[in-house]
Protein backbone atom coordinates (compact mmCIF):
# COMPACT_ATOMS: atom_id res chain seq x y z
CA MET A 1 -16.82 42.74 35.07
CA ARG A 2 -13.04 42.80 34.62
CA SER A 3 -12.57 39.58 36.61
CA ALA A 4 -15.17 37.82 34.47
CA ILE A 5 -13.34 38.84 31.28
CA GLU A 6 -9.98 37.72 32.69
CA LYS A 7 -11.53 34.42 33.77
CA GLU A 8 -12.90 33.87 30.26
CA LEU A 9 -9.53 34.64 28.66
CA VAL A 10 -7.71 32.19 30.94
CA GLY A 11 -10.38 29.56 30.30
CA SER A 12 -10.11 29.98 26.53
CA ARG A 13 -6.32 29.49 26.67
CA ASN A 14 -6.80 26.21 28.54
CA THR A 15 -9.42 25.15 26.02
CA SER A 16 -7.13 25.87 23.07
CA ASP A 17 -4.28 23.96 24.75
CA SER A 18 -6.49 20.94 25.32
CA THR A 19 -7.77 21.18 21.75
CA GLU A 20 -4.20 21.20 20.44
CA GLU A 21 -3.33 18.19 22.59
CA ARG A 22 -6.36 16.25 21.36
CA LEU A 23 -5.56 17.16 17.76
CA ALA A 24 -1.93 16.04 18.16
CA ALA A 25 -3.06 12.76 19.74
CA THR A 26 -5.52 12.16 16.90
CA ILE A 27 -2.84 12.79 14.28
CA ASP A 28 -0.45 10.41 16.08
CA ARG A 29 -3.14 7.72 16.24
CA LEU A 30 -3.96 8.10 12.54
CA ALA A 31 -0.27 7.91 11.62
CA GLY A 32 0.01 4.62 13.52
CA GLU A 33 -3.05 3.22 11.78
CA LEU A 34 -1.64 4.20 8.38
CA ARG A 35 1.63 2.39 9.19
CA ARG A 36 -0.31 -0.76 10.09
CA LEU A 37 -2.38 -0.52 6.90
CA ARG A 38 0.77 -0.13 4.83
CA THR A 39 2.30 -3.23 6.42
CA GLY A 40 -0.85 -5.20 5.66
CA GLN A 41 -0.93 -3.94 2.10
CA GLN A 42 2.69 -4.98 1.59
CA GLY A 43 1.84 -8.45 2.89
CA TRP A 44 -1.06 -8.79 0.45
CA PHE A 45 1.11 -7.56 -2.39
CA ALA A 46 3.82 -10.13 -1.59
CA PHE A 47 1.19 -12.89 -1.38
CA LEU A 48 -0.40 -11.94 -4.71
CA ASP A 49 3.02 -11.60 -6.32
CA ALA A 50 4.00 -15.12 -5.25
CA LEU A 51 0.61 -16.51 -6.28
CA THR A 52 0.83 -14.87 -9.70
CA LYS A 53 4.31 -16.26 -10.32
CA THR A 54 3.16 -19.72 -9.25
CA VAL A 55 0.11 -19.64 -11.51
CA LEU A 56 2.09 -18.33 -14.48
CA THR A 57 4.73 -20.99 -13.98
CA CYS A 58 2.25 -23.84 -13.61
CA LEU A 59 -0.17 -22.91 -16.41
CA PRO A 60 -0.29 -25.59 -19.08
CA ARG A 61 0.82 -24.65 -22.53
CA CYS A 62 -1.81 -23.66 -25.07
CA PRO A 63 -3.03 -26.55 -27.20
CA GLY A 64 -2.15 -26.51 -30.87
CA PRO A 65 0.80 -26.89 -33.15
CA LEU A 66 4.10 -25.26 -32.23
CA ASP A 67 4.18 -23.10 -35.33
CA HIS A 68 0.85 -21.40 -34.61
CA PRO A 69 1.51 -17.60 -34.44
CA ILE A 70 -1.03 -16.91 -31.67
CA ARG A 71 0.51 -19.60 -29.47
CA GLU A 72 3.98 -18.24 -30.08
CA ALA A 73 2.80 -14.72 -29.19
CA ILE A 74 1.18 -15.98 -25.96
CA ILE A 75 4.33 -17.86 -25.00
CA GLU A 76 6.46 -14.78 -25.66
CA ILE A 77 4.13 -12.52 -23.62
CA ARG A 78 4.18 -14.97 -20.70
CA ARG A 79 7.96 -15.27 -20.87
CA GLN A 80 8.44 -11.49 -20.95
CA SER A 81 6.03 -10.84 -18.09
CA LEU A 82 7.64 -13.56 -15.97
CA CYS A 83 11.11 -12.16 -16.68
CA GLU A 84 9.91 -8.66 -15.72
CA LEU A 85 8.43 -10.02 -12.49
CA GLU A 86 11.67 -11.80 -11.65
CA ALA A 87 13.73 -8.67 -12.37
CA GLU A 88 11.71 -6.41 -10.04
CA PRO A 89 12.39 -6.42 -6.30
CA ARG A 90 9.46 -7.33 -4.07
CA GLY A 91 7.16 -4.34 -3.64
CA SER A 92 9.24 -2.19 -6.03
CA ALA A 93 7.76 1.23 -6.75
CA LEU A 94 4.39 0.64 -5.11
CA PHE A 95 5.82 1.05 -1.64
CA ALA A 96 8.69 3.45 -2.21
CA GLU A 97 9.16 5.77 0.73
């Protein structure tokens, strides 16, 4: 009876060690996958940032007279947003570590 209990105790220690090793390996694998996802997300952000700047730069002006208040407001909003985009570094706060 005693030898059976001792055998079970030794077996449970080995099981817990292997469980810890598998858990550590899983966490390491997930950390690697998260790093790859982050790199991909940064790439998409840079692409969309460049595309947005290109589209905003190349958009034709609104039709209508120069003194129209709505047109002036739209021009000012575009100018401000483009200046803000130019002032921010690529990826700014979205990917701060």
